Each structure stands twice: as C-alpha cells, then as structure tokens.
C-alpha cells in the first residue's frame, strides 16, 4: 500500500513538472508570435504620409535626402541562427542590441525570434529548465552547445588555443575566441597569442620581443613566409 502511494505521488510530481514546462514553452511561443507580428507590422506600416491629393509623400524629399536615411528603420533586426558560427552570431546580435538600446534583461526573449531549426528547439528546452536565464548565461550556453571545437568556458578556450594550420587561420580563430573574453590587458592577449603559436614561429617571434598584439600577428605572418621559403617544400608542409 505504501509503495502504491509513493508511486502515485511520483506520478503527480511528474505531471506537475510537465505542466510547468508546458506553461513556459507556451509563454515562449507567445513571445515569438508577438515579436513576429510586431516585426511584420513594422514592415507593412512604414513609409511617408499622404498629401491632400492622396499621394504618398516621403520624409526628406524637400531636402533631397532619402526617407529615413541614416536612421534605424525596423528597430531590432537580429540575424537568424540555425546553429552555425555561434560566436559570430553573438557578435552581430550584441551590435544590434547596442544600436537599438535593448535592455539586457530583454535580450534572451528577443533572441527567440532569431532561432531556427535545432537552435530554436534547444533554446525552448533551455528556457524551460532555466526561466531566469540571463543574457550572459545564454551566450555561454550557446557557444558551449554549438561550438564543438573547444571545451570549457571562454577563458579555457582562449587558454587552450593552438595553431594547427597557417598563421592566418590561427589569427582568425584567436580573434574570434578573444572577442568572448573582453577586458583583459594587452599583455594577457599577447601572452595567449604567443603561447598558442607553433614552436618554430614562436621561437623566432621571441627574438623580436613584440610588445603589441597587432605587431605580433604581423611578425608571425612574416616569419611563417620566411620559414616556408628558406625551408622549401618540406618545412612548408610541416607548417600546414
């Protein structure tokens, strides 16, 4: 009898949890519907005003300027995200938030509109588990879920970066990862960059003792080119 009561209690708890998850998912879908409707209305309701003859006039026509020139036309317009290049998407999304002045606490809900395919299902699932998710927490979770090249948080990924191919590929990856770790000193960024270079390139770079990250990147490219020329095809193959 006691076992039956425990089983029934477990069923009731499961039903309660499912109900709560369904409510959160429903709220998320409602937010998505409202955002899509608002975006659609902003596109269809824009334009100039009508004159007395019913003809549509455009603002700025008397000054020779195009309507809304230099202004934000449709408000917040996040790029779509389907799971590819999460770091790049976050950079563009943060730029849009800055341009439109979107409050930090509203950014997670706003990002729902941009999600597509697996990313949308993942975000719905994540918010059902973490209703109070912050934008910082969401950003970290997004990179962790969709960027499978590295493990750990942003600091660990930057600290573990290694040059695998050419210097240019390494520079691009370093810039991408370091953009997720703002606020470090130039000395820190330079140290991380030097640490990840291949041994031959790093050894030559230390002879020049670069003090700025940009200089180190440029020197690394020059050293790679010179080593490839001096070493012939064999050394060039090793660099790649």
C-alpha atoms as a PDB file:
ATOM      1  CA  UNK A   1       0.000   0.000   0.000  1.00  0.00           C
ATOM      2  CA  UNK A   2       2.818   2.367   0.914  1.00  0.00           C
ATOM      3  CA  UNK A   3       4.618   1.582  -2.349  1.00  0.00           C
ATOM      4  CA  UNK A   4       1.455   2.378  -4.323  1.00  0.00           C
ATOM      5  CA  UNK A   5       1.095   5.728  -2.577  1.00  0.00           C
ATOM      6  CA  UNK A   6       4.735   6.581  -3.361  1.00  0.00           C
ATOM      7  CA  UNK A   7       4.203   5.660  -6.999  1.00  0.00           C
ATOM      8  CA  UNK A   8       1.083   7.832  -7.194  1.00  0.00           C
ATOM      9  CA  UNK A   9       2.954  10.700  -5.540  1.00  0.00           C
ATOM     10  CA  UNK A  10       5.742  10.351  -8.118  1.00  0.00           C
ATOM     11  CA  UNK A  11       3.215  10.440 -10.946  1.00  0.00           C
ATOM     12  CA  UNK A  12       1.638  13.608  -9.537  1.00  0.00           C
ATOM     13  CA  UNK A  13       5.053  15.277  -9.267  1.00  0.00           C
ATOM     14  CA  UNK A  14       5.904  14.316 -12.858  1.00  0.00           C
ATOM     15  CA  UNK A  15       2.593  15.719 -14.055  1.00  0.00           C
ATOM     16  CA  UNK A  16       3.231  18.949 -12.170  1.00  0.00           C
ATOM     17  CA  UNK A  17       6.705  19.296 -13.713  1.00  0.00           C
ATOM     18  CA  UNK A  18       5.319  18.616 -17.194  1.00  0.00           C
ATOM     19  CA  UNK A  19       2.613  21.234 -16.651  1.00  0.00           C
ATOM     20  CA  UNK A  20       5.183  23.838 -15.591  1.00  0.00           C
ATOM     21  CA  UNK A  21       7.381  23.061 -18.614  1.00  0.00           C
ATOM     22  CA  UNK A  22       4.356  23.321 -20.919  1.00  0.00           C
ATOM     23  CA  UNK A  23       3.449  26.711 -19.453  1.00  0.00           C
ATOM     24  CA  UNK A  24       6.978  28.022 -20.063  1.00  0.00           C
ATOM     25  CA  UNK A  25       7.025  26.668 -23.619  1.00  0.00           C
ATOM     26  CA  UNK A  26       3.616  28.236 -24.274  1.00  0.00           C
ATOM     27  CA  UNK A  27       4.861  31.579 -22.957  1.00  0.00           C
ATOM     28  CA  UNK A  28       7.922  31.353 -25.200  1.00  0.00           C
ATOM     29  CA  UNK A  29       5.800  30.633 -28.265  1.00  0.00           C
ATOM     30  CA  UNK A  30       3.529  33.549 -27.356  1.00  0.00           C
ATOM     31  CA  UNK A  31       6.544  35.861 -27.184  1.00  0.00           C
ATOM     32  CA  UNK A  32       7.683  34.574 -30.556  1.00  0.00           C
ATOM     33  CA  UNK A  33       4.240  35.158 -32.092  1.00  0.00           C
ATOM     34  CA  UNK A  34       4.060  38.723 -30.749  1.00  0.00           C
ATOM     35  CA  UNK A  35       7.586  39.509 -31.932  1.00  0.00           C
ATOM     36  CA  UNK A  36       6.900  38.180 -35.428  1.00  0.00           C
ATOM     37  CA  UNK A  37       3.629  40.134 -35.612  1.00  0.00           C
ATOM     38  CA  UNK A  38       5.351  43.331 -34.465  1.00  0.00           C
ATOM     39  CA  UNK A  39       8.125  42.854 -36.997  1.00  0.00           C
ATOM     40  CA  UNK A  40       5.567  42.272 -39.769  1.00  0.00           C
ATOM     41  CA  UNK A  41       3.609  45.397 -38.829  1.00  0.00           C
ATOM     42  CA  UNK A  42       6.784  47.498 -38.782  1.00  0.00           C
ATOM     43  CA  UNK A  43       7.455  46.491 -42.387  1.00  0.00           C
ATOM     44  CA  UNK A  44       3.881  46.965 -43.655  1.00  0.00           C
ATOM     45  CA  UNK A  45       3.082  50.126 -41.688  1.00  0.00           C
ATOM     46  CA  UNK A  46       6.170  52.151 -42.578  1.00  0.00           C
ATOM     47  CA  UNK A  47       6.553  54.867 -45.155  1.00  0.00           C
ATOM     48  CA  UNK A  48       5.743  58.547 -45.514  1.00  0.00           C
ATOM     49  CA  UNK A  49       2.482  60.416 -45.130  1.00  0.00           C
ATOM     50  CA  UNK A  50      -0.261  61.150 -47.659  1.00  0.00           C
ATOM     51  CA  UNK A  51      -0.782  64.664 -49.019  1.00  0.00           C
ATOM     52  CA  UNK A  52      -4.158  66.321 -49.664  1.00  0.00           C
ATOM     53  CA  UNK A  53      -4.496  64.595 -53.058  1.00  0.00           C
ATOM     54  CA  UNK A  54      -3.978  61.158 -51.521  1.00  0.00           C
ATOM     55  CA  UNK A  55      -0.493  60.824 -52.953  1.00  0.00           C
ATOM     56  CA  UNK A  56       2.137  59.319 -50.722  1.00  0.00           C
ATOM     57  CA  UNK A  57       4.969  61.687 -49.846  1.00  0.00           C
ATOM     58  CA  UNK A  58       8.325  60.812 -48.375  1.00  0.00           C
ATOM     59  CA  UNK A  59      10.056  62.497 -45.490  1.00  0.00           C
ATOM     60  CA  UNK A  60      13.126  64.446 -46.502  1.00  0.00           C
ATOM     61  CA  UNK A  61      12.014  64.824 -50.144  1.00  0.00           C
ATOM     62  CA  UNK A  62      12.317  68.610 -49.904  1.00  0.00           C
ATOM     63  CA  UNK A  63      15.945  68.304 -48.814  1.00  0.00           C
ATOM     64  CA  UNK A  64      16.906  65.711 -51.384  1.00  0.00           C
ATOM     65  CA  UNK A  65      17.522  63.042 -48.739  1.00  0.00           C
ATOM     66  CA  UNK A  66      16.119  59.543 -48.910  1.00  0.00           C
ATOM     67  CA  UNK A  67      13.410  58.713 -46.351  1.00  0.00           C
ATOM     68  CA  UNK A  68      14.825  57.536 -43.000  1.00  0.00           C
ATOM     69  CA  UNK A  69      18.329  57.906 -44.317  1.00  0.00           C
ATOM     70  CA  UNK A  70      20.802  57.138 -41.529  1.00  0.00           C
ATOM     71  CA  UNK A  71      18.027  56.014 -39.185  1.00  0.00           C
ATOM     72  CA  UNK A  72      17.191  52.596 -37.784  1.00  0.00           C
ATOM     73  CA  UNK A  73      14.239  51.577 -39.951  1.00  0.00           C
ATOM     74  CA  UNK A  74      12.824  48.408 -38.463  1.00  0.00           C
ATOM     75  CA  UNK A  75      14.101  48.542 -34.895  1.00  0.00           C
ATOM     76  CA  UNK A  76      15.751  45.373 -33.668  1.00  0.00           C
ATOM     77  CA  UNK A  77      16.618  43.042 -36.547  1.00  0.00           C
ATOM     78  CA  UNK A  78      18.617  40.056 -35.343  1.00  0.00           C
ATOM     79  CA  UNK A  79      20.227  37.734 -37.890  1.00  0.00           C
ATOM     80  CA  UNK A  80      18.806  34.220 -37.960  1.00  0.00           C
ATOM     81  CA  UNK A  81      20.712  31.461 -36.167  1.00  0.00           C
ATOM     82  CA  UNK A  82      20.493  27.754 -37.001  1.00  0.00           C
ATOM     83  CA  UNK A  83      23.471  26.525 -35.009  1.00  0.00           C
ATOM     84  CA  UNK A  84      26.310  27.682 -37.271  1.00  0.00           C
ATOM     85  CA  UNK A  85      29.021  30.111 -36.088  1.00  0.00           C
ATOM     86  CA  UNK A  86      27.609  30.918 -32.631  1.00  0.00           C
ATOM     87  CA  UNK A  87      30.420  33.345 -31.771  1.00  0.00           C
ATOM     88  CA  UNK A  88      29.857  35.333 -34.953  1.00  0.00           C
ATOM     89  CA  UNK A  89      26.107  35.404 -34.361  1.00  0.00           C
ATOM     90  CA  UNK A  90      26.582  36.676 -30.809  1.00  0.00           C
ATOM     91  CA  UNK A  91      28.836  39.467 -32.069  1.00  0.00           C
ATOM     92  CA  UNK A  92      26.186  40.624 -34.557  1.00  0.00           C
ATOM     93  CA  UNK A  93      23.394  40.256 -32.005  1.00  0.00           C
ATOM     94  CA  UNK A  94      25.261  42.312 -29.401  1.00  0.00           C
ATOM     95  CA  UNK A  95      25.865  45.001 -32.010  1.00  0.00           C
ATOM     96  CA  UNK A  96      22.143  45.143 -32.784  1.00  0.00           C
ATOM     97  CA  UNK A  97      21.315  45.356 -29.089  1.00  0.00           C
ATOM     98  CA  UNK A  98      23.712  48.291 -28.695  1.00  0.00           C
ATOM     99  CA  UNK A  99      22.295  50.111 -31.727  1.00  0.00           C
ATOM    100  CA  UNK A 100      18.686  49.728 -30.593  1.00  0.00           C
ATOM    101  CA  UNK A 101      19.365  50.170 -26.875  1.00  0.00           C
ATOM    102  CA  UNK A 102      17.780  46.819 -25.995  1.00  0.00           C
ATOM    103  CA  UNK A 103      17.816  46.257 -22.235  1.00  0.00           C
ATOM    104  CA  UNK A 104      19.963  43.370 -21.029  1.00  0.00           C
ATOM    105  CA  UNK A 105      17.031  41.678 -19.309  1.00  0.00           C
ATOM    106  CA  UNK A 106      15.053  41.666 -22.589  1.00  0.00           C
ATOM    107  CA  UNK A 107      17.727  40.172 -24.817  1.00  0.00           C
ATOM    108  CA  UNK A 108      17.075  36.469 -24.202  1.00  0.00           C
ATOM    109  CA  UNK A 109      13.386  36.830 -25.079  1.00  0.00           C
ATOM    110  CA  UNK A 110      14.276  38.923 -28.138  1.00  0.00           C
ATOM    111  CA  UNK A 111      16.708  36.264 -29.356  1.00  0.00           C
ATOM    112  CA  UNK A 112      13.901  33.699 -29.678  1.00  0.00           C
ATOM    113  CA  UNK A 113      12.828  35.320 -32.953  1.00  0.00           C
ATOM    114  CA  UNK A 114      16.238  34.646 -34.492  1.00  0.00           C
ATOM    115  CA  UNK A 115      16.373  30.938 -33.639  1.00  0.00           C
ATOM    116  CA  UNK A 116      15.734  28.378 -36.369  1.00  0.00           C
ATOM    117  CA  UNK A 117      15.691  24.589 -36.583  1.00  0.00           C
ATOM    118  CA  UNK A 118      17.706  22.789 -33.888  1.00  0.00           C
ATOM    119  CA  UNK A 119      18.664  26.110 -32.291  1.00  0.00           C
ATOM    120  CA  UNK A 120      15.009  27.011 -31.689  1.00  0.00           C
ATOM    121  CA  UNK A 121      14.229  23.640 -30.093  1.00  0.00           C
ATOM    122  CA  UNK A 122      17.359  23.886 -27.956  1.00  0.00           C
ATOM    123  CA  UNK A 123      16.524  27.408 -26.768  1.00  0.00           C
ATOM    124  CA  UNK A 124      12.948  26.450 -25.897  1.00  0.00           C
ATOM    125  CA  UNK A 125      14.246  23.494 -23.929  1.00  0.00           C
ATOM    126  CA  UNK A 126      16.892  25.627 -22.183  1.00  0.00           C
ATOM    127  CA  UNK A 127      14.410  28.299 -21.118  1.00  0.00           C
ATOM    128  CA  UNK A 128      12.016  25.668 -19.805  1.00  0.00           C
ATOM    129  CA  UNK A 129      14.793  24.493 -17.497  1.00  0.00           C
ATOM    130  CA  UNK A 130      16.139  27.947 -16.642  1.00  0.00           C
ATOM    131  CA  UNK A 131      13.305  30.514 -16.676  1.00  0.00           C
ATOM    132  CA  UNK A 132      15.553  33.210 -15.153  1.00  0.00           C
ATOM    133  CA  UNK A 133      18.319  32.755 -17.722  1.00  0.00           C
ATOM    134  CA  UNK A 134      20.455  35.882 -18.182  1.00  0.00           C
ATOM    135  CA  UNK A 135      21.938  37.045 -21.485  1.00  0.00           C
ATOM    136  CA  UNK A 136      25.445  36.244 -20.226  1.00  0.00           C
ATOM    137  CA  UNK A 137      24.378  32.747 -19.211  1.00  0.00           C
ATOM    138  CA  UNK A 138      22.585  32.241 -22.518  1.00  0.00           C
ATOM    139  CA  UNK A 139      25.632  33.386 -24.506  1.00  0.00           C
ATOM    140  CA  UNK A 140      27.902  30.949 -22.688  1.00  0.00           C
ATOM    141  CA  UNK A 141      25.416  28.099 -23.113  1.00  0.00           C
ATOM    142  CA  UNK A 142      25.001  28.883 -26.826  1.00  0.00           C
ATOM    143  CA  UNK A 143      28.733  28.695 -27.528  1.00  0.00           C
ATOM    144  CA  UNK A 144      29.125  25.579 -25.394  1.00  0.00           C
ATOM    145  CA  UNK A 145      26.283  23.836 -27.258  1.00  0.00           C
ATOM    146  CA  UNK A 146      27.029  24.777 -30.871  1.00  0.00           C
ATOM    147  CA  UNK A 147      30.797  25.376 -30.987  1.00  0.00           C
ATOM    148  CA  UNK A 148      32.169  21.864 -30.511  1.00  0.00           C
ATOM    149  CA  UNK A 149      35.786  22.734 -31.317  1.00  0.00           C
ATOM    150  CA  UNK A 150      36.617  23.539 -27.710  1.00  0.00           C
ATOM    151  CA  UNK A 151      35.564  22.604 -24.212  1.00  0.00           C
ATOM    152  CA  UNK A 152      35.174  24.704 -21.086  1.00  0.00           C
ATOM    153  CA  UNK A 153      34.294  28.355 -20.645  1.00  0.00           C
ATOM    154  CA  UNK A 154      35.545  31.258 -22.733  1.00  0.00           C
ATOM    155  CA  UNK A 155      38.734  31.677 -20.698  1.00  0.00           C
ATOM    156  CA  UNK A 156      39.601  27.986 -21.005  1.00  0.00           C
ATOM    157  CA  UNK A 157      39.002  28.025 -24.756  1.00  0.00           C
ATOM    158  CA  UNK A 158      41.303  31.009 -25.201  1.00  0.00           C
ATOM    159  CA  UNK A 159      43.981  29.492 -22.969  1.00  0.00           C
ATOM    160  CA  UNK A 160      43.885  26.172 -24.868  1.00  0.00           C
ATOM    161  CA  UNK A 161      44.059  27.612 -28.384  1.00  0.00           C
ATOM    162  CA  UNK A 162      46.771  26.059 -30.567  1.00  0.00           C
ATOM    163  CA  UNK A 163      47.967  26.825 -34.080  1.00  0.00           C
ATOM    164  CA  UNK A 164      47.079  23.840 -36.267  1.00  0.00           C
ATOM    165  CA  UNK A 165      47.227  25.271 -39.781  1.00  0.00           C
ATOM    166  CA  UNK A 166      48.688  28.523 -41.086  1.00  0.00           C
ATOM    167  CA  UNK A 167      49.184  31.731 -39.124  1.00  0.00           C
ATOM    168  CA  UNK A 168      46.243  33.455 -40.824  1.00  0.00           C
ATOM    169  CA  UNK A 169      43.842  30.710 -39.725  1.00  0.00           C
ATOM    170  CA  UNK A 170      45.278  30.912 -36.221  1.00  0.00           C
ATOM    171  CA  UNK A 171      44.895  34.706 -36.102  1.00  0.00           C
ATOM    172  CA  UNK A 172      41.256  34.480 -37.219  1.00  0.00           C
ATOM    173  CA  UNK A 173      40.478  31.865 -34.575  1.00  0.00           C
ATOM    174  CA  UNK A 174      42.308  33.814 -31.879  1.00  0.00           C
ATOM    175  CA  UNK A 175      40.363  36.992 -32.645  1.00  0.00           C
ATOM    176  CA  UNK A 176      37.117  35.023 -32.629  1.00  0.00           C
ATOM    177  CA  UNK A 177      37.788  33.468 -29.225  1.00  0.00           C
ATOM    178  CA  UNK A 178      39.285  36.568 -27.606  1.00  0.00           C
ATOM    179  CA  UNK A 179      36.151  38.535 -28.533  1.00  0.00           C
ATOM    180  CA  UNK A 180      34.351  36.371 -25.973  1.00  0.00           C
ATOM    181  CA  UNK A 181      36.812  37.383 -23.239  1.00  0.00           C
ATOM    182  CA  UNK A 182      36.735  41.199 -23.122  1.00  0.00           C
ATOM    183  CA  UNK A 183      38.528  43.260 -20.528  1.00  0.00           C
ATOM    184  CA  UNK A 184      41.920  41.542 -20.498  1.00  0.00           C
ATOM    185  CA  UNK A 185      45.072  43.619 -20.716  1.00  0.00           C
ATOM    186  CA  UNK A 186      47.103  43.746 -23.926  1.00  0.00           C
ATOM    187  CA  UNK A 187      49.812  41.769 -22.157  1.00  0.00           C
ATOM    188  CA  UNK A 188      47.346  38.958 -21.419  1.00  0.00           C
ATOM    189  CA  UNK A 189      46.110  38.791 -25.015  1.00  0.00           C
ATOM    190  CA  UNK A 190      49.688  38.866 -26.299  1.00  0.00           C
ATOM    191  CA  UNK A 191      50.688  36.068 -23.942  1.00  0.00           C
ATOM    192  CA  UNK A 192      47.795  33.852 -25.020  1.00  0.00           C
ATOM    193  CA  UNK A 193      48.608  34.515 -28.684  1.00  0.00           C
ATOM    194  CA  UNK A 194      52.305  33.704 -28.310  1.00  0.00           C
ATOM    195  CA  UNK A 195      51.588  30.571 -26.278  1.00  0.00           C
ATOM    196  CA  UNK A 196      49.437  29.030 -28.999  1.00  0.00           C
ATOM    197  CA  UNK A 197      51.835  29.530 -31.915  1.00  0.00           C
ATOM    198  CA  UNK A 198      53.821  26.641 -33.346  1.00  0.00           C
ATOM    199  CA  UNK A 199      57.243  26.262 -31.718  1.00  0.00           C
ATOM    200  CA  UNK A 200      59.393  27.419 -34.683  1.00  0.00           C
ATOM    201  CA  UNK A 201      57.324  30.571 -35.225  1.00  0.00           C
ATOM    202  CA  UNK A 202      57.105  31.354 -31.519  1.00  0.00           C
ATOM    203  CA  UNK A 203      60.869  30.937 -31.157  1.00  0.00           C
ATOM    204  CA  UNK A 204      61.625  33.450 -33.902  1.00  0.00           C
ATOM    205  CA  UNK A 205      58.995  35.866 -32.605  1.00  0.00           C
ATOM    206  CA  UNK A 206      60.619  35.972 -29.175  1.00  0.00           C
ATOM    207  CA  UNK A 207      63.797  37.311 -30.791  1.00  0.00           C
ATOM    208  CA  UNK A 208      61.828  40.397 -31.840  1.00  0.00           C
ATOM    209  CA  UNK A 209      60.144  40.760 -28.428  1.00  0.00           C
ATOM    210  CA  UNK A 210      56.863  42.250 -29.696  1.00  0.00           C
ATOM    211  CA  UNK A 211      55.001  44.352 -27.129  1.00  0.00           C
ATOM    212  CA  UNK A 212      51.729  44.760 -29.020  1.00  0.00           C
ATOM    213  CA  UNK A 213      49.337  42.070 -30.207  1.00  0.00           C
ATOM    214  CA  UNK A 214      48.908  43.536 -33.693  1.00  0.00           C
ATOM    215  CA  UNK A 215      52.682  43.654 -34.172  1.00  0.00           C
ATOM    216  CA  UNK A 216      52.997  40.046 -33.031  1.00  0.00           C
ATOM    217  CA  UNK A 217      50.355  38.943 -35.527  1.00  0.00           C
ATOM    218  CA  UNK A 218      52.098  40.735 -38.387  1.00  0.00           C
ATOM    219  CA  UNK A 219      55.500  39.361 -37.394  1.00  0.00           C
ATOM    220  CA  UNK A 220      54.077  35.837 -37.177  1.00  0.00           C
ATOM    221  CA  UNK A 221      52.881  36.106 -40.779  1.00  0.00           C
ATOM    222  CA  UNK A 222      56.299  37.349 -41.923  1.00  0.00           C
ATOM    223  CA  UNK A 223      58.149  34.625 -40.017  1.00  0.00           C
ATOM    224  CA  UNK A 224      55.898  31.943 -41.487  1.00  0.00           C
ATOM    225  CA  UNK A 225      56.543  33.211 -45.022  1.00  0.00           C
ATOM    226  CA  UNK A 226      60.309  33.363 -44.486  1.00  0.00           C
ATOM    227  CA  UNK A 227      60.497  29.919 -42.907  1.00  0.00           C
ATOM    228  CA  UNK A 228      58.463  28.443 -45.757  1.00  0.00           C
ATOM    229  CA  UNK A 229      60.813  29.995 -48.334  1.00  0.00           C
ATOM    230  CA  UNK A 230      64.018  29.020 -46.554  1.00  0.00           C
ATOM    231  CA  UNK A 231      62.903  25.531 -45.669  1.00  0.00           C
ATOM    232  CA  UNK A 232      61.449  24.635 -49.047  1.00  0.00           C
ATOM    233  CA  UNK A 233      58.510  22.322 -49.522  1.00  0.00           C
ATOM    234  CA  UNK A 234      59.363  20.073 -46.584  1.00  0.00           C
ATOM    235  CA  UNK A 235      59.205  22.852 -43.993  1.00  0.00           C
ATOM    236  CA  UNK A 236      56.174  24.414 -45.603  1.00  0.00           C
ATOM    237  CA  UNK A 237      54.368  21.102 -45.313  1.00  0.00           C
ATOM    238  CA  UNK A 238      55.200  20.978 -41.604  1.00  0.00           C
ATOM    239  CA  UNK A 239      53.787  24.471 -41.094  1.00  0.00           C
ATOM    240  CA  UNK A 240      50.500  23.448 -42.619  1.00  0.00           C
END
